[in-house]
Amino acid sequence: MTAPIPLGMVGGGEGAFIGAVHRIAARMDGQFRLVAGALSSDADRAAASAQALGLDRSYDDFRQMARAEAGRPDGIRAVSIVTPNHLHAPAAVAFLDAGIHVICDKPLAATPDQARQIADAAARSTARFFLTHNYCALPMVREARAIVAEGGIGDLRLVQAEYLQGWLSGDVRSKQADWRTDPAQAGAGAIGDIGTHAWQLAAFVTGQTPVAVSAELSSMVPGRRVDDDVRASLRYASGARGGLWASQVATGRENGLSLRVFGTAGALDWRLDDAERLLHTPTGQPPRILTRAQDRSGSFRTPPGHPEGYLEGFANLYADIAAVIRGDNGPLSRLPGLADGLSGMGFIAAAQESSARDGAWVEVRP
């Protein structure tokens, strides 16, 4: 059996949410072993978290970690960055410059300047950069992409992507809410946190990225300093049109991600709350409900009818990343990376500019 790839982690210490998700996903297939971390900016919390996880090595600072691990014969070959957005760039740059592969949670960064720093580091590094837009790794999303690519809906006409949550409908105070509503740490609000997911999902399935955006960003909760509701109209170079709605103040919605695409020869409809089914409606024919039994990507892990989802999507990404690190570039075409991150940052910048100009159409520049 091939030895697991030594993995490090930045962030994800005690009280964190997404770090635990990445750890579960990374070990699900036995392809990675977490051995080192700079799990918190607080030295005591970092040490305690590392001890609780049984890590071989704990660091107080991610820059120190990058230098030390790059110099060890048994050092990490990849690192997961699961910090608030404003730390993505400095951490990613440190490890890319050390020749260590980077697996970064989305969005790419807090600001366009930070995104460019990552892009520059990736260009000069021998290491690869991966971005964990996990929903594009779900089996029926990959099947939807295959149907579009093979002409199953004809030429694209209409796209509607939505991501609706209600957990920030009030003045919520928690570790997760505090950094997401702080512009210094998050950069953007709902548009960065969940809007980029909807943007990337639509691009992944359709194979097209909008070239212009007309948007309205709102802060519905009094005193909130970032957007919590985003409504955008989309124009594609092909002539297709689209819409994107992302909100964290949609009361009663838990995690309502959905995508509908319509073409000259059919349509597709997928929802995260029914993620194992995909509705395909060829023009003039009855709708077809596809399940994981019809998924051709081989991304499923349990027999059809045995539910799987969120964690398995992350695990699919980690499995593909491990294959690439080991030299198999086959999965690269379906793995989100720097281009997806830059596209998402371009969307954020264009939408913010459009909103400031009362919904004027703005070119999306990655």
Protein backbone atom coordinates (compact mmCIF):
# COMPACT_ATOMS: atom_id res chain seq x y z
CA MET A 1 0.00 0.00 0.00
CA THR A 2 1.28 3.47 -0.89
CA ALA A 3 2.26 5.49 2.17
CA PRO A 4 -0.04 8.40 3.04
CA ILE A 5 1.07 11.87 1.95
CA PRO A 6 2.30 13.92 4.95
CA LEU A 7 -0.15 16.81 5.40
CA GLY A 8 -0.03 20.01 7.43
CA MET A 9 -2.79 22.40 8.42
CA VAL A 10 -2.94 26.14 9.04
CA GLY A 11 -5.93 27.15 11.16
CA GLY A 12 -8.61 24.69 12.18
CA GLY A 13 -7.83 24.60 15.89
CA GLU A 14 -10.15 24.36 18.86
CA GLY A 15 -13.58 25.87 18.12
CA ALA A 16 -13.08 26.00 14.35
CA PHE A 17 -15.61 24.47 11.96
CA ILE A 18 -14.11 23.90 8.53
CA GLY A 19 -10.81 22.49 9.81
CA ALA A 20 -12.55 19.40 11.16
CA VAL A 21 -14.32 18.92 7.81
CA HIS A 22 -10.99 19.00 5.96
CA ARG A 23 -9.39 16.58 8.43
CA ILE A 24 -12.20 14.04 8.02
CA ALA A 25 -12.09 14.35 4.23
CA ALA A 26 -8.31 14.07 4.05
CA ARG A 27 -8.21 10.81 5.97
CA MET A 28 -11.32 9.19 4.46
CA ASP A 29 -9.34 7.33 1.78
CA GLY A 30 -6.10 6.95 3.69
CA GLN A 31 -4.24 9.08 1.14
CA PHE A 32 -3.10 11.74 3.63
CA ARG A 33 -1.77 11.74 7.20
CA LEU A 34 -1.97 14.97 9.18
CA VAL A 35 1.36 15.34 10.95
CA ALA A 36 1.95 19.05 11.55
CA GLY A 37 0.03 22.25 12.08
CA ALA A 38 -0.06 25.90 12.99
CA LEU A 39 -3.61 25.51 14.21
CA SER A 40 -4.15 28.89 15.85
CA SER A 41 -2.63 32.35 16.11
CA ASP A 42 -2.76 31.82 19.89
CA ALA A 43 0.28 29.71 20.83
CA ASP A 44 -1.38 27.94 23.76
CA ARG A 45 -4.49 27.10 21.76
CA ALA A 46 -2.34 25.90 18.87
CA ALA A 47 -0.34 23.57 21.13
CA ALA A 48 -3.44 22.25 22.89
CA SER A 49 -5.22 21.63 19.58
CA ALA A 50 -2.20 19.82 18.14
CA GLN A 51 -1.95 17.62 21.22
CA ALA A 52 -5.66 16.79 21.06
CA LEU A 53 -5.27 15.74 17.42
CA GLY A 54 -2.10 13.76 18.09
CA LEU A 55 0.06 15.74 15.67
CA ASP A 56 3.77 15.04 15.51
CA ARG A 57 4.70 18.74 15.27
CA SER A 58 3.04 21.99 16.34
CA TYR A 59 4.08 25.49 15.30
CA ASP A 60 3.21 28.94 16.64
CA ASP A 61 3.53 30.57 13.21
CA PHE A 62 2.78 29.29 9.70
CA ARG A 63 5.85 30.96 8.19
CA GLN A 64 8.07 29.13 10.67
CA MET A 65 6.17 25.96 9.80
CA ALA A 66 6.72 26.39 6.05
CA ARG A 67 10.47 26.88 6.49
CA ALA A 68 10.89 24.04 8.94
CA GLU A 69 8.80 21.50 7.04
CA ALA A 70 10.49 22.28 3.72
CA GLY A 71 13.84 21.49 5.34
CA ARG A 72 12.85 18.10 6.79
CA PRO A 73 13.28 14.83 4.88
CA ASP A 74 9.99 13.70 6.43
CA GLY A 75 8.32 17.11 6.08
CA ILE A 76 4.83 17.72 4.79
CA ARG A 77 4.21 17.64 1.03
CA ALA A 78 0.90 19.50 1.19
CA VAL A 79 -0.85 21.91 3.55
CA SER A 80 -4.53 22.67 4.11
CA ILE A 81 -5.30 26.35 4.76
CA VAL A 82 -8.54 26.68 6.72
CA THR A 83 -8.20 30.16 8.21
CA PRO A 84 -10.38 33.24 7.83
CA ASN A 85 -10.01 34.74 4.35
CA HIS A 86 -7.48 37.46 5.17
CA LEU A 87 -4.86 34.83 6.06
CA HIS A 88 -5.22 32.75 2.90
CA ALA A 89 -2.71 34.79 0.91
CA PRO A 90 0.16 35.08 3.40
CA ALA A 91 -0.12 31.40 4.29
CA ALA A 92 -0.45 30.23 0.68
CA VAL A 93 2.52 32.34 -0.43
CA ALA A 94 4.70 31.02 2.41
CA PHE A 95 4.07 27.38 1.51
CA LEU A 96 4.14 27.81 -2.27
CA ASP A 97 7.51 29.55 -1.92
CA ALA A 98 8.66 26.58 0.18
CA GLY A 99 7.65 24.17 -2.61
CA ILE A 100 4.75 22.68 -0.62
CA HIS A 101 1.40 22.01 -2.34
CA VAL A 102 -1.45 24.19 -1.07
CA ILE A 103 -5.05 23.08 -0.50
CA CYS A 104 -6.98 26.25 0.34
CA ASP A 105 -10.54 26.77 1.45
CA LYS A 106 -12.58 29.23 -0.61
CA PRO A 107 -12.76 32.09 -1.45
CA LEU A 108 -9.27 32.59 -2.81
CA ALA A 109 -8.53 35.66 -0.66
CA ALA A 110 -10.05 38.68 1.07
CA THR A 111 -8.96 41.26 -1.53
CA PRO A 112 -7.93 41.35 -5.20
CA ASP A 113 -4.39 42.36 -4.19
CA GLN A 114 -4.09 39.29 -1.97
CA ALA A 115 -5.41 37.12 -4.80
CA ARG A 116 -2.67 38.47 -7.09
CA GLN A 117 -0.06 37.64 -4.45
CA ILE A 118 -1.21 34.01 -4.51
CA ALA A 119 -1.22 33.93 -8.31
CA ASP A 120 2.32 35.33 -8.44
CA ALA A 121 3.54 32.79 -5.87
CA ALA A 122 1.90 29.94 -7.77
CA ALA A 123 3.55 31.07 -11.00
CA ARG A 124 7.04 30.93 -9.50
CA SER A 125 6.50 27.75 -7.45
CA THR A 126 7.05 24.12 -8.33
CA ALA A 127 4.09 23.26 -6.10
CA ARG A 128 0.42 23.15 -7.07
CA PHE A 129 -2.48 25.19 -5.70
CA PHE A 130 -5.95 23.68 -5.11
CA LEU A 131 -9.16 25.43 -4.00
CA THR A 132 -11.84 23.44 -2.17
CA HIS A 133 -15.11 24.30 -3.87
CA ASN A 134 -16.49 21.03 -2.55
CA TYR A 135 -19.90 21.04 -4.21
CA CYS A 136 -18.44 20.55 -7.68
CA ALA A 137 -17.11 17.19 -6.45
CA LEU A 138 -20.57 15.75 -5.74
CA PRO A 139 -21.45 12.90 -8.11
CA MET A 140 -24.59 14.37 -9.67
CA VAL A 141 -22.94 17.75 -10.20
CA ARG A 142 -20.19 15.98 -12.11
CA GLU A 143 -22.87 14.10 -14.05
CA ALA A 144 -24.61 17.40 -14.88
CA ARG A 145 -21.33 18.73 -16.25
CA ALA A 146 -20.92 15.62 -18.41
CA ILE A 147 -24.44 15.98 -19.82
CA VAL A 148 -23.81 19.62 -20.79
CA ALA A 149 -20.41 18.78 -22.31
CA GLU A 150 -21.86 16.03 -24.49
CA GLY A 151 -24.65 18.31 -25.79
CA GLY A 152 -27.45 17.00 -23.60
CA ILE A 153 -29.10 20.40 -23.27
CA GLY A 154 -27.93 21.88 -26.58
CA ASP A 155 -26.65 25.46 -26.62
CA LEU A 156 -26.82 27.24 -23.29
CA ARG A 157 -29.55 29.87 -22.93
CA LEU A 158 -30.35 30.48 -19.26
CA VAL A 159 -28.61 29.88 -15.93
CA GLN A 160 -30.03 30.39 -12.45
CA ALA A 161 -27.80 29.77 -9.42
CA GLU A 162 -28.95 30.31 -5.84
CA TYR A 163 -27.41 29.85 -2.42
CA LEU A 164 -29.77 30.80 0.39
CA GLN A 165 -29.08 30.68 4.12
CA GLY A 166 -30.83 32.30 7.05
CA TRP A 167 -28.34 31.90 9.88
CA LEU A 168 -27.24 35.56 9.82
CA SER A 169 -30.76 37.01 9.76
CA GLY A 170 -30.13 38.71 13.11
CA ASP A 171 -27.21 40.18 15.02
CA VAL A 172 -25.52 36.80 15.57
CA ARG A 173 -22.45 36.57 17.82
CA SER A 174 -20.25 33.49 17.46
CA LYS A 175 -16.75 32.59 16.32
CA GLN A 176 -18.05 31.70 12.85
CA ALA A 177 -20.27 34.78 12.52
CA ASP A 178 -17.78 37.26 13.96
CA TRP A 179 -15.04 36.83 11.36
CA ARG A 180 -17.49 36.45 8.47
CA THR A 181 -19.07 39.82 9.27
CA ASP A 182 -15.74 41.57 9.82
CA PRO A 183 -14.56 43.17 6.55
CA ALA A 184 -10.94 43.09 7.74
CA GLN A 185 -11.03 39.29 8.01
CA ALA A 186 -13.63 38.29 5.42
CA GLY A 187 -13.09 40.97 2.78
CA ALA A 188 -16.63 40.51 1.48
CA GLY A 189 -19.77 39.11 3.09
CA ALA A 190 -22.28 36.71 1.58
CA ILE A 191 -20.89 37.24 -1.91
CA GLY A 192 -17.52 35.80 -0.88
CA ASP A 193 -18.71 33.20 1.60
CA ILE A 194 -21.46 31.56 -0.46
CA GLY A 195 -21.83 33.65 -3.63
CA THR A 196 -18.54 32.34 -4.97
CA HIS A 197 -19.82 28.79 -4.45
CA ALA A 198 -22.85 29.50 -6.66
CA TRP A 199 -20.64 31.25 -9.23
CA GLN A 200 -18.15 28.37 -9.41
CA LEU A 201 -20.90 25.73 -9.50
CA ALA A 202 -22.56 27.37 -12.50
CA ALA A 203 -19.23 27.73 -14.32
CA PHE A 204 -18.24 24.13 -13.55
CA VAL A 205 -21.46 22.64 -14.91
CA THR A 206 -21.94 24.90 -17.95
CA GLY A 207 -18.30 25.30 -18.93
CA GLN A 208 -18.93 29.03 -19.34
CA THR A 209 -18.16 32.04 -17.16
CA PRO A 210 -20.17 35.29 -17.38
CA VAL A 211 -18.38 38.24 -18.94
CA ALA A 212 -20.48 40.99 -17.33
CA VAL A 213 -22.48 41.48 -14.14
CA SER A 214 -25.21 43.84 -12.95
CA ALA A 215 -25.58 43.48 -9.19
CA GLU A 216 -27.11 44.83 -6.01
CA LEU A 217 -25.38 44.06 -2.70
CA SER A 218 -27.30 44.78 0.48
CA SER A 219 -26.66 44.75 4.21
CA MET A 220 -30.06 43.90 5.63
CA VAL A 221 -29.07 43.69 9.30
CA PRO A 222 -28.61 47.16 10.82
CA GLY A 223 -24.97 47.95 11.55
CA ARG A 224 -23.58 45.07 9.52
CA ARG A 225 -20.44 46.13 7.67
CA VAL A 226 -20.49 43.51 4.93
CA ASP A 227 -23.14 42.45 2.44
CA ASP A 228 -25.57 39.74 3.52
CA ASP A 229 -27.74 39.62 0.36
CA VAL A 230 -26.55 39.59 -3.27
CA ARG A 231 -28.66 39.68 -6.42
CA ALA A 232 -26.89 39.63 -9.78
CA SER A 233 -27.82 39.44 -13.44
CA LEU A 234 -25.26 37.71 -15.68
CA ARG A 235 -24.30 38.04 -19.33
CA TYR A 236 -22.33 35.38 -21.20
CA ALA A 237 -20.21 35.83 -24.32
CA SER A 238 -22.26 33.09 -25.99
CA GLY A 239 -25.44 35.17 -25.65
CA ALA A 240 -26.77 33.19 -22.70
CA ARG A 241 -28.22 35.06 -19.73
CA GLY A 242 -28.25 34.20 -16.06
CA GLY A 243 -29.07 35.16 -12.53
CA LEU A 244 -27.36 34.59 -9.18
CA TRP A 245 -28.92 35.13 -5.75
CA ALA A 246 -26.89 34.53 -2.60
CA SER A 247 -28.28 35.46 0.81
CA GLN A 248 -27.52 34.77 4.45
CA VAL A 249 -30.67 36.52 5.68
CA ALA A 250 -33.20 34.24 3.93
CA THR A 251 -34.98 33.27 7.13
CA GLY A 252 -35.79 29.58 7.38
CA ARG A 253 -33.30 28.47 4.73
CA GLU A 254 -30.47 26.30 6.01
CA ASN A 255 -28.14 25.63 3.09
CA GLY A 256 -30.20 26.13 -0.05
CA LEU A 257 -27.77 25.76 -2.92
CA SER A 258 -29.39 25.07 -6.29
CA LEU A 259 -28.64 25.30 -10.00
CA ARG A 260 -30.92 25.34 -13.03
CA VAL A 261 -29.62 25.49 -16.59
CA PHE A 262 -31.69 25.71 -19.75
CA GLY A 263 -30.56 25.13 -23.31
CA THR A 264 -31.91 24.76 -26.83
CA ALA A 265 -32.34 21.01 -26.39
CA GLY A 266 -33.12 20.51 -22.71
CA ALA A 267 -32.68 21.55 -19.10
CA LEU A 268 -31.05 20.43 -15.85
CA ASP A 269 -32.18 21.05 -12.28
CA TRP A 270 -30.11 20.18 -9.17
CA ARG A 271 -30.54 21.05 -5.48
CA LEU A 272 -28.20 20.39 -2.59
CA ASP A 273 -31.05 19.35 -0.31
CA ASP A 274 -31.74 16.51 -2.78
CA ALA A 275 -28.15 16.18 -3.96
CA GLU A 276 -28.32 12.57 -5.08
CA ARG A 277 -30.90 13.28 -7.77
CA LEU A 278 -30.54 15.30 -10.97
CA LEU A 279 -33.52 16.27 -13.12
CA HIS A 280 -32.79 16.18 -16.86
CA THR A 281 -35.56 17.30 -19.20
CA PRO A 282 -34.78 16.90 -22.93
CA THR A 283 -36.91 19.17 -25.11
CA GLY A 284 -40.26 17.55 -25.93
CA GLN A 285 -39.68 14.61 -23.60
CA PRO A 286 -40.76 13.77 -20.05
CA PRO A 287 -38.32 14.69 -17.27
CA ARG A 288 -35.76 12.05 -16.33
CA ILE A 289 -34.69 11.68 -12.71
CA LEU A 290 -31.07 10.54 -12.59
CA THR A 291 -29.52 9.14 -9.42
CA ARG A 292 -26.02 8.06 -8.42
CA ALA A 293 -26.74 4.77 -10.19
CA GLN A 294 -26.35 6.76 -13.44
CA ASP A 295 -23.25 8.75 -12.40
CA ARG A 296 -20.42 8.05 -14.83
CA SER A 297 -17.66 9.88 -12.96
CA GLY A 298 -17.23 7.12 -10.39
CA SER A 299 -17.35 9.71 -7.60
CA PHE A 300 -19.76 7.87 -5.33
CA ARG A 301 -18.56 5.95 -2.29
CA THR A 302 -21.59 4.00 -1.11
CA PRO A 303 -24.09 1.90 -3.07
CA PRO A 304 -26.91 3.92 -4.67
CA GLY A 305 -29.70 4.46 -2.17
CA HIS A 306 -27.25 4.77 0.74
CA PRO A 307 -27.04 8.54 1.36
CA GLU A 308 -23.78 10.42 1.07
CA GLY A 309 -22.97 14.07 0.54
CA TYR A 310 -21.11 16.98 2.12
CA LEU A 311 -18.10 15.22 3.67
CA GLU A 312 -17.80 12.86 0.72
CA GLY A 313 -17.62 15.83 -1.66
CA PHE A 314 -14.62 17.16 0.22
CA ALA A 315 -13.15 13.65 0.31
CA ASN A 316 -13.50 13.37 -3.48
CA LEU A 317 -11.44 16.55 -3.81
CA TYR A 318 -8.76 15.23 -1.47
CA ALA A 319 -8.64 11.91 -3.33
CA ASP A 320 -8.18 13.69 -6.66
CA ILE A 321 -5.57 16.03 -5.15
CA ALA A 322 -3.63 13.04 -3.80
CA ALA A 323 -3.65 11.48 -7.27
CA VAL A 324 -2.27 14.67 -8.81
CA ILE A 325 0.43 15.00 -6.15
CA ARG A 326 1.44 11.41 -6.88
CA GLY A 327 1.80 12.24 -10.58
CA ASP A 328 -1.59 11.36 -12.10
CA ASN A 329 -2.90 14.50 -13.84
CA GLY A 330 -6.12 12.82 -14.95
CA PRO A 331 -8.32 14.46 -12.29
CA LEU A 332 -6.94 17.97 -12.95
CA SER A 333 -9.73 18.94 -15.36
CA ARG A 334 -12.36 18.61 -12.64
CA LEU A 335 -10.35 19.99 -9.71
CA PRO A 336 -10.98 23.63 -8.75
CA GLY A 337 -7.81 25.66 -8.50
CA LEU A 338 -6.28 29.06 -9.01
CA ALA A 339 -8.35 29.90 -12.09
CA ASP A 340 -11.57 29.21 -10.17
CA GLY A 341 -10.36 31.37 -7.31
CA LEU A 342 -9.40 34.26 -9.57
CA SER A 343 -12.73 33.99 -11.38
CA GLY A 344 -14.57 34.18 -8.05
CA MET A 345 -12.54 37.23 -7.00
CA GLY A 346 -13.31 38.83 -10.36
CA PHE A 347 -17.00 38.24 -9.75
CA ILE A 348 -16.81 39.81 -6.29
CA ALA A 349 -15.00 42.91 -7.59
CA ALA A 350 -17.35 43.37 -10.55
CA ALA A 351 -20.47 42.90 -8.41
CA GLN A 352 -19.23 45.35 -5.79
CA GLU A 353 -18.44 47.95 -8.46
CA SER A 354 -21.81 47.39 -10.15
CA SER A 355 -23.68 47.78 -6.87
CA ALA A 356 -21.80 51.00 -6.09
CA ARG A 357 -22.87 52.27 -9.53
CA ASP A 358 -26.56 51.46 -8.95
CA GLY A 359 -26.51 48.19 -10.86
CA ALA A 360 -24.54 49.29 -13.91
CA TRP A 361 -23.18 46.51 -16.08
CA VAL A 362 -19.54 45.81 -15.24
CA GLU A 363 -17.08 43.58 -17.08
CA VAL A 364 -15.84 40.60 -15.07
CA ARG A 365 -12.05 40.57 -15.09
CA PRO A 366 -10.38 37.51 -13.51
